[in-house]
Amino acid sequence: MQIFGQMVRVPVTARQKFNEAAYFYNGMLAHRTNVVIFPYYLSAFLSAFRSVTFFLQKQYAHDARFSSWYPQKQAEMAGDPVMKMLKDRRTDVVHREPIDLFFMQGFEFPERFKGCIETTHLEVVHDQAPDGRVISRIKVGADGIEEDVATRITWHFTEDDKTDVMQHCYSGLEKLDAILKELEALRVSMGLPADDA
């Protein structure tokens, strides 16, 4: 038996779009060593992240107090290098082409080495599983046994950018969260409910 139905359209708030961006951020974190899936989550994050302010403007378009408060926030975001970069990357993904990503790849030392391997022979092999996960193995000593080790990958928007994409995205989330909280506090001070921000 099957039942056909339609979901009731529920208004989406800026806070809900923020939560969506945070969800995709967590997906990036969980899949940071997967060269296939990580870019999918990044693309989804950038789209959701950018739409927070679109939803904010639509949600409060009728509110004169918002109209006087928001232009200053827009100017602050436009002048913030991280917020501008994330906005520009979203524009690239949606309107132009997939963005280039750069990475630095390494591995985590097994516990027994206590963060340092002393040897005259070290082999490091990085391979990719069919699902996109990067697999790292090391062999310590010419007659050592090859063993799996945890892969470490940092992603970068440009070749020269030393900051991990994850840090840029987290910083952007913090800044957007602060704006939403400021608006929520402003609404509460005016006797309005804060939960729809």
C-alpha atoms as a PDB file:
ATOM      1  CA  MET A   1       0.000   0.000   0.000  1.00  0.00           C
ATOM      2  CA  GLN A   2       1.195   3.508  -0.769  1.00  0.00           C
ATOM      3  CA  ILE A   3      -0.170   6.858   0.279  1.00  0.00           C
ATOM      4  CA  PHE A   4       0.364   9.964  -1.810  1.00  0.00           C
ATOM      5  CA  GLY A   5       0.542  13.283  -0.036  1.00  0.00           C
ATOM      6  CA  GLN A   6       1.979  16.744  -0.096  1.00  0.00           C
ATOM      7  CA  MET A   7       3.916  18.410   2.682  1.00  0.00           C
ATOM      8  CA  VAL A   8       2.407  21.586   4.063  1.00  0.00           C
ATOM      9  CA  ARG A   9       4.589  24.491   3.080  1.00  0.00           C
ATOM     10  CA  VAL A  10       6.085  25.931   6.242  1.00  0.00           C
ATOM     11  CA  PRO A  11       7.647  29.401   6.290  1.00  0.00           C
ATOM     12  CA  VAL A  12      11.419  29.145   6.667  1.00  0.00           C
ATOM     13  CA  THR A  13      13.143  31.635   8.925  1.00  0.00           C
ATOM     14  CA  ALA A  14      16.663  33.009   8.734  1.00  0.00           C
ATOM     15  CA  ARG A  15      17.550  31.010  11.860  1.00  0.00           C
ATOM     16  CA  GLN A  16      16.390  27.812  10.180  1.00  0.00           C
ATOM     17  CA  LYS A  17      18.540  28.606   7.135  1.00  0.00           C
ATOM     18  CA  PHE A  18      21.433  29.224   9.527  1.00  0.00           C
ATOM     19  CA  ASN A  19      20.804  25.789  11.057  1.00  0.00           C
ATOM     20  CA  GLU A  20      20.834  24.315   7.553  1.00  0.00           C
ATOM     21  CA  ALA A  21      24.245  25.885   6.892  1.00  0.00           C
ATOM     22  CA  ALA A  22      25.486  24.487  10.225  1.00  0.00           C
ATOM     23  CA  TYR A  23      24.194  21.053   9.212  1.00  0.00           C
ATOM     24  CA  PHE A  24      26.231  21.153   6.006  1.00  0.00           C
ATOM     25  CA  TYR A  25      29.249  22.420   7.960  1.00  0.00           C
ATOM     26  CA  ASN A  26      28.992  19.329  10.162  1.00  0.00           C
ATOM     27  CA  GLY A  27      28.791  17.209   7.004  1.00  0.00           C
ATOM     28  CA  MET A  28      32.011  18.815   5.749  1.00  0.00           C
ATOM     29  CA  LEU A  29      33.643  18.037   9.063  1.00  0.00           C
ATOM     30  CA  ALA A  30      32.512  14.406   8.974  1.00  0.00           C
ATOM     31  CA  HIS A  31      33.723  13.954   5.380  1.00  0.00           C
ATOM     32  CA  ARG A  32      36.842  16.111   5.333  1.00  0.00           C
ATOM     33  CA  THR A  33      38.997  13.187   4.144  1.00  0.00           C
ATOM     34  CA  ASN A  34      36.643  12.316   1.284  1.00  0.00           C
ATOM     35  CA  VAL A  35      37.654  14.069  -1.942  1.00  0.00           C
ATOM     36  CA  VAL A  36      34.300  13.315  -3.590  1.00  0.00           C
ATOM     37  CA  ILE A  37      31.824  14.140  -0.810  1.00  0.00           C
ATOM     38  CA  PHE A  38      33.589  17.073   0.904  1.00  0.00           C
ATOM     39  CA  PRO A  39      33.101  19.416  -2.084  1.00  0.00           C
ATOM     40  CA  TYR A  40      29.383  18.501  -2.203  1.00  0.00           C
ATOM     41  CA  TYR A  41      28.919  19.553   1.409  1.00  0.00           C
ATOM     42  CA  LEU A  42      30.976  22.698   0.842  1.00  0.00           C
ATOM     43  CA  SER A  43      28.784  23.703  -2.108  1.00  0.00           C
ATOM     44  CA  ALA A  44      25.622  23.076  -0.053  1.00  0.00           C
ATOM     45  CA  PHE A  45      27.106  25.003   2.887  1.00  0.00           C
ATOM     46  CA  LEU A  46      27.923  28.027   0.736  1.00  0.00           C
ATOM     47  CA  SER A  47      24.406  28.124  -0.731  1.00  0.00           C
ATOM     48  CA  ALA A  48      22.681  27.759   2.648  1.00  0.00           C
ATOM     49  CA  PHE A  49      25.089  30.214   4.305  1.00  0.00           C
ATOM     50  CA  ARG A  50      24.434  32.883   1.688  1.00  0.00           C
ATOM     51  CA  SER A  51      20.670  32.395   1.817  1.00  0.00           C
ATOM     52  CA  VAL A  52      20.513  33.275   5.530  1.00  0.00           C
ATOM     53  CA  THR A  53      20.602  37.005   4.775  1.00  0.00           C
ATOM     54  CA  PHE A  54      18.142  36.600   1.889  1.00  0.00           C
ATOM     55  CA  PHE A  55      15.675  34.946   4.249  1.00  0.00           C
ATOM     56  CA  LEU A  56      16.391  37.563   6.918  1.00  0.00           C
ATOM     57  CA  GLN A  57      15.513  40.387   4.514  1.00  0.00           C
ATOM     58  CA  LYS A  58      12.374  38.627   3.289  1.00  0.00           C
ATOM     59  CA  GLN A  59      11.280  37.722   6.806  1.00  0.00           C
ATOM     60  CA  TYR A  60      11.503  41.325   8.054  1.00  0.00           C
ATOM     61  CA  ALA A  61      10.757  43.254   4.848  1.00  0.00           C
ATOM     62  CA  HIS A  62       7.623  44.710   6.491  1.00  0.00           C
ATOM     63  CA  ASP A  63       9.435  45.877   9.667  1.00  0.00           C
ATOM     64  CA  ALA A  64      10.614  49.510   9.623  1.00  0.00           C
ATOM     65  CA  ARG A  65      12.910  48.930  12.614  1.00  0.00           C
ATOM     66  CA  PHE A  66      14.683  46.154  10.715  1.00  0.00           C
ATOM     67  CA  SER A  67      15.002  48.446   7.686  1.00  0.00           C
ATOM     68  CA  SER A  68      16.879  50.992   9.775  1.00  0.00           C
ATOM     69  CA  TRP A  69      19.037  48.384  11.589  1.00  0.00           C
ATOM     70  CA  TYR A  70      20.027  46.106   8.710  1.00  0.00           C
ATOM     71  CA  PRO A  71      21.957  48.453   6.353  1.00  0.00           C
ATOM     72  CA  GLN A  72      24.706  48.815   8.972  1.00  0.00           C
ATOM     73  CA  LYS A  73      24.932  45.004   9.234  1.00  0.00           C
ATOM     74  CA  GLN A  74      25.125  44.747   5.434  1.00  0.00           C
ATOM     75  CA  ALA A  75      28.001  47.241   5.392  1.00  0.00           C
ATOM     76  CA  GLU A  76      29.799  45.316   8.148  1.00  0.00           C
ATOM     77  CA  MET A  77      29.425  42.029   6.253  1.00  0.00           C
ATOM     78  CA  ALA A  78      30.565  43.632   2.977  1.00  0.00           C
ATOM     79  CA  GLY A  79      33.673  44.955   4.749  1.00  0.00           C
ATOM     80  CA  ASP A  80      34.498  41.677   6.469  1.00  0.00           C
ATOM     81  CA  PRO A  81      37.059  39.672   4.447  1.00  0.00           C
ATOM     82  CA  VAL A  82      35.712  36.244   5.496  1.00  0.00           C
ATOM     83  CA  MET A  83      32.056  37.112   4.877  1.00  0.00           C
ATOM     84  CA  LYS A  84      32.903  38.638   1.497  1.00  0.00           C
ATOM     85  CA  MET A  85      35.008  35.643   0.499  1.00  0.00           C
ATOM     86  CA  LEU A  86      32.261  33.151   1.429  1.00  0.00           C
ATOM     87  CA  LYS A  87      29.711  35.236  -0.508  1.00  0.00           C
ATOM     88  CA  ASP A  88      32.018  35.353  -3.541  1.00  0.00           C
ATOM     89  CA  ARG A  89      32.649  31.592  -3.387  1.00  0.00           C
ATOM     90  CA  ARG A  90      28.897  30.963  -3.310  1.00  0.00           C
ATOM     91  CA  THR A  91      28.474  33.213  -6.354  1.00  0.00           C
ATOM     92  CA  ASP A  92      31.172  31.207  -8.138  1.00  0.00           C
ATOM     93  CA  VAL A  93      29.532  27.868  -7.281  1.00  0.00           C
ATOM     94  CA  VAL A  94      26.008  28.921  -8.233  1.00  0.00           C
ATOM     95  CA  HIS A  95      26.565  31.245 -11.189  1.00  0.00           C
ATOM     96  CA  ARG A  96      29.869  30.329 -12.752  1.00  0.00           C
ATOM     97  CA  GLU A  97      31.492  26.970 -12.221  1.00  0.00           C
ATOM     98  CA  PRO A  98      32.718  24.674  -9.479  1.00  0.00           C
ATOM     99  CA  ILE A  99      35.358  26.382  -7.391  1.00  0.00           C
ATOM    100  CA  ASP A 100      38.928  25.222  -7.303  1.00  0.00           C
ATOM    101  CA  LEU A 101      39.987  23.665  -4.034  1.00  0.00           C
ATOM    102  CA  PHE A 102      43.508  23.107  -2.844  1.00  0.00           C
ATOM    103  CA  PHE A 103      44.517  20.707  -0.111  1.00  0.00           C
ATOM    104  CA  MET A 104      47.367  19.717   2.147  1.00  0.00           C
ATOM    105  CA  GLN A 105      47.440  16.045   2.985  1.00  0.00           C
ATOM    106  CA  GLY A 106      49.294  14.115   5.631  1.00  0.00           C
ATOM    107  CA  PHE A 107      48.753  11.491   8.260  1.00  0.00           C
ATOM    108  CA  GLU A 108      48.505  11.127  12.006  1.00  0.00           C
ATOM    109  CA  PHE A 109      51.348   9.330  13.765  1.00  0.00           C
ATOM    110  CA  PRO A 110      50.308   6.108  15.479  1.00  0.00           C
ATOM    111  CA  GLU A 111      50.191   6.466  19.294  1.00  0.00           C
ATOM    112  CA  ARG A 112      53.241   4.293  19.895  1.00  0.00           C
ATOM    113  CA  PHE A 113      55.484   6.872  18.177  1.00  0.00           C
ATOM    114  CA  LYS A 114      54.303   9.665  20.500  1.00  0.00           C
ATOM    115  CA  GLY A 115      54.207  12.217  17.652  1.00  0.00           C
ATOM    116  CA  CYS A 116      57.690  11.547  16.276  1.00  0.00           C
ATOM    117  CA  ILE A 117      59.084   8.808  14.043  1.00  0.00           C
ATOM    118  CA  GLU A 118      62.833   8.223  14.111  1.00  0.00           C
ATOM    119  CA  THR A 119      63.896   6.023  11.224  1.00  0.00           C
ATOM    120  CA  THR A 120      66.141   5.858   8.189  1.00  0.00           C
ATOM    121  CA  HIS A 121      63.312   4.435   6.084  1.00  0.00           C
ATOM    122  CA  LEU A 122      59.732   5.698   5.911  1.00  0.00           C
ATOM    123  CA  GLU A 123      57.219   4.920   3.183  1.00  0.00           C
ATOM    124  CA  VAL A 124      53.957   6.850   3.043  1.00  0.00           C
ATOM    125  CA  VAL A 125      51.209   5.753   0.673  1.00  0.00           C
ATOM    126  CA  HIS A 126      48.016   7.686   0.024  1.00  0.00           C
ATOM    127  CA  ASP A 127      45.287   5.920  -1.912  1.00  0.00           C
ATOM    128  CA  GLN A 128      41.672   6.660  -2.711  1.00  0.00           C
ATOM    129  CA  ALA A 129      38.841   4.250  -1.950  1.00  0.00           C
ATOM    130  CA  PRO A 130      36.062   3.915  -4.567  1.00  0.00           C
ATOM    131  CA  ASP A 131      33.764   6.084  -2.404  1.00  0.00           C
ATOM    132  CA  GLY A 132      36.301   8.961  -2.365  1.00  0.00           C
ATOM    133  CA  ARG A 133      37.867   8.438   1.072  1.00  0.00           C
ATOM    134  CA  VAL A 134      41.600   9.004   1.189  1.00  0.00           C
ATOM    135  CA  ILE A 135      43.392   6.081   2.813  1.00  0.00           C
ATOM    136  CA  SER A 136      46.887   6.559   4.241  1.00  0.00           C
ATOM    137  CA  ARG A 137      49.389   3.869   5.090  1.00  0.00           C
ATOM    138  CA  ILE A 138      52.937   3.994   6.401  1.00  0.00           C
ATOM    139  CA  LYS A 139      55.795   1.561   6.571  1.00  0.00           C
ATOM    140  CA  VAL A 140      58.481   2.342   9.147  1.00  0.00           C
ATOM    141  CA  GLY A 141      61.827   0.677   8.472  1.00  0.00           C
ATOM    142  CA  ALA A 142      62.811  -1.212   5.319  1.00  0.00           C
ATOM    143  CA  ASP A 143      61.547  -4.472   6.774  1.00  0.00           C
ATOM    144  CA  GLY A 144      58.571  -2.928   8.606  1.00  0.00           C
ATOM    145  CA  ILE A 145      54.939  -3.842   8.115  1.00  0.00           C
ATOM    146  CA  GLU A 146      52.672  -1.469   6.190  1.00  0.00           C
ATOM    147  CA  GLU A 147      49.872  -0.156   8.431  1.00  0.00           C
ATOM    148  CA  ASP A 148      46.854   2.083   8.028  1.00  0.00           C
ATOM    149  CA  VAL A 149      47.048   5.490   9.700  1.00  0.00           C
ATOM    150  CA  ALA A 150      44.528   8.304  10.060  1.00  0.00           C
ATOM    151  CA  THR A 151      44.555  10.702   7.114  1.00  0.00           C
ATOM    152  CA  ARG A 152      44.776  14.450   7.734  1.00  0.00           C
ATOM    153  CA  ILE A 153      43.554  16.859   5.066  1.00  0.00           C
ATOM    154  CA  THR A 154      43.155  20.618   5.190  1.00  0.00           C
ATOM    155  CA  TRP A 155      41.275  22.298   2.355  1.00  0.00           C
ATOM    156  CA  HIS A 156      42.072  25.776   1.016  1.00  0.00           C
ATOM    157  CA  PHE A 157      40.248  28.180  -1.300  1.00  0.00           C
ATOM    158  CA  THR A 158      43.488  29.409  -2.893  1.00  0.00           C
ATOM    159  CA  GLU A 159      46.996  28.110  -3.215  1.00  0.00           C
ATOM    160  CA  ASP A 160      48.306  30.898  -0.965  1.00  0.00           C
ATOM    161  CA  ASP A 161      45.577  30.758   1.680  1.00  0.00           C
ATOM    162  CA  LYS A 162      47.026  29.119   4.783  1.00  0.00           C
ATOM    163  CA  THR A 163      43.650  29.039   6.575  1.00  0.00           C
ATOM    164  CA  ASP A 164      41.621  25.850   6.298  1.00  0.00           C
ATOM    165  CA  VAL A 165      38.248  26.161   4.525  1.00  0.00           C
ATOM    166  CA  MET A 166      36.681  24.715   7.683  1.00  0.00           C
ATOM    167  CA  GLN A 167      38.028  27.639   9.737  1.00  0.00           C
ATOM    168  CA  HIS A 168      36.737  30.199   7.213  1.00  0.00           C
ATOM    169  CA  CYS A 169      33.291  28.566   7.284  1.00  0.00           C
ATOM    170  CA  TYR A 170      33.234  28.342  11.095  1.00  0.00           C
ATOM    171  CA  SER A 171      34.221  31.995  11.371  1.00  0.00           C
ATOM    172  CA  GLY A 172      31.428  32.935   8.966  1.00  0.00           C
ATOM    173  CA  LEU A 173      28.911  30.933  10.998  1.00  0.00           C
ATOM    174  CA  GLU A 174      30.016  32.691  14.193  1.00  0.00           C
ATOM    175  CA  LYS A 175      29.569  36.095  12.578  1.00  0.00           C
ATOM    176  CA  LEU A 176      26.132  35.284  11.157  1.00  0.00           C
ATOM    177  CA  ASP A 177      25.055  33.811  14.485  1.00  0.00           C
ATOM    178  CA  ALA A 178      26.096  37.035  16.231  1.00  0.00           C
ATOM    179  CA  ILE A 179      23.982  39.087  13.789  1.00  0.00           C
ATOM    180  CA  LEU A 180      20.957  36.849  14.326  1.00  0.00           C
ATOM    181  CA  LYS A 181      21.393  36.981  18.107  1.00  0.00           C
ATOM    182  CA  GLU A 182      21.692  40.772  17.992  1.00  0.00           C
ATOM    183  CA  LEU A 183      18.421  40.959  16.062  1.00  0.00           C
ATOM    184  CA  GLU A 184      16.769  38.515  18.475  1.00  0.00           C
ATOM    185  CA  ALA A 185      17.890  40.647  21.450  1.00  0.00           C
ATOM    186  CA  LEU A 186      16.669  43.797  19.715  1.00  0.00           C
ATOM    187  CA  ARG A 187      13.258  42.219  19.135  1.00  0.00           C
ATOM    188  CA  VAL A 188      13.017  41.092  22.764  1.00  0.00           C
ATOM    189  CA  SER A 189      13.899  44.615  23.958  1.00  0.00           C
ATOM    190  CA  MET A 190      10.935  45.882  21.905  1.00  0.00           C
ATOM    191  CA  GLY A 191       8.629  43.302  23.454  1.00  0.00           C
ATOM    192  CA  LEU A 192       8.512  41.133  20.316  1.00  0.00           C
ATOM    193  CA  PRO A 193       9.126  37.380  20.228  1.00  0.00           C
ATOM    194  CA  ALA A 194      12.732  36.419  19.397  1.00  0.00           C
ATOM    195  CA  ASP A 195      12.111  32.853  18.307  1.00  0.00           C
ATOM    196  CA  ASP A 196      11.241  33.683  14.691  1.00  0.00           C
ATOM    197  CA  ALA A 197      14.640  35.224  13.900  1.00  0.00           C
END
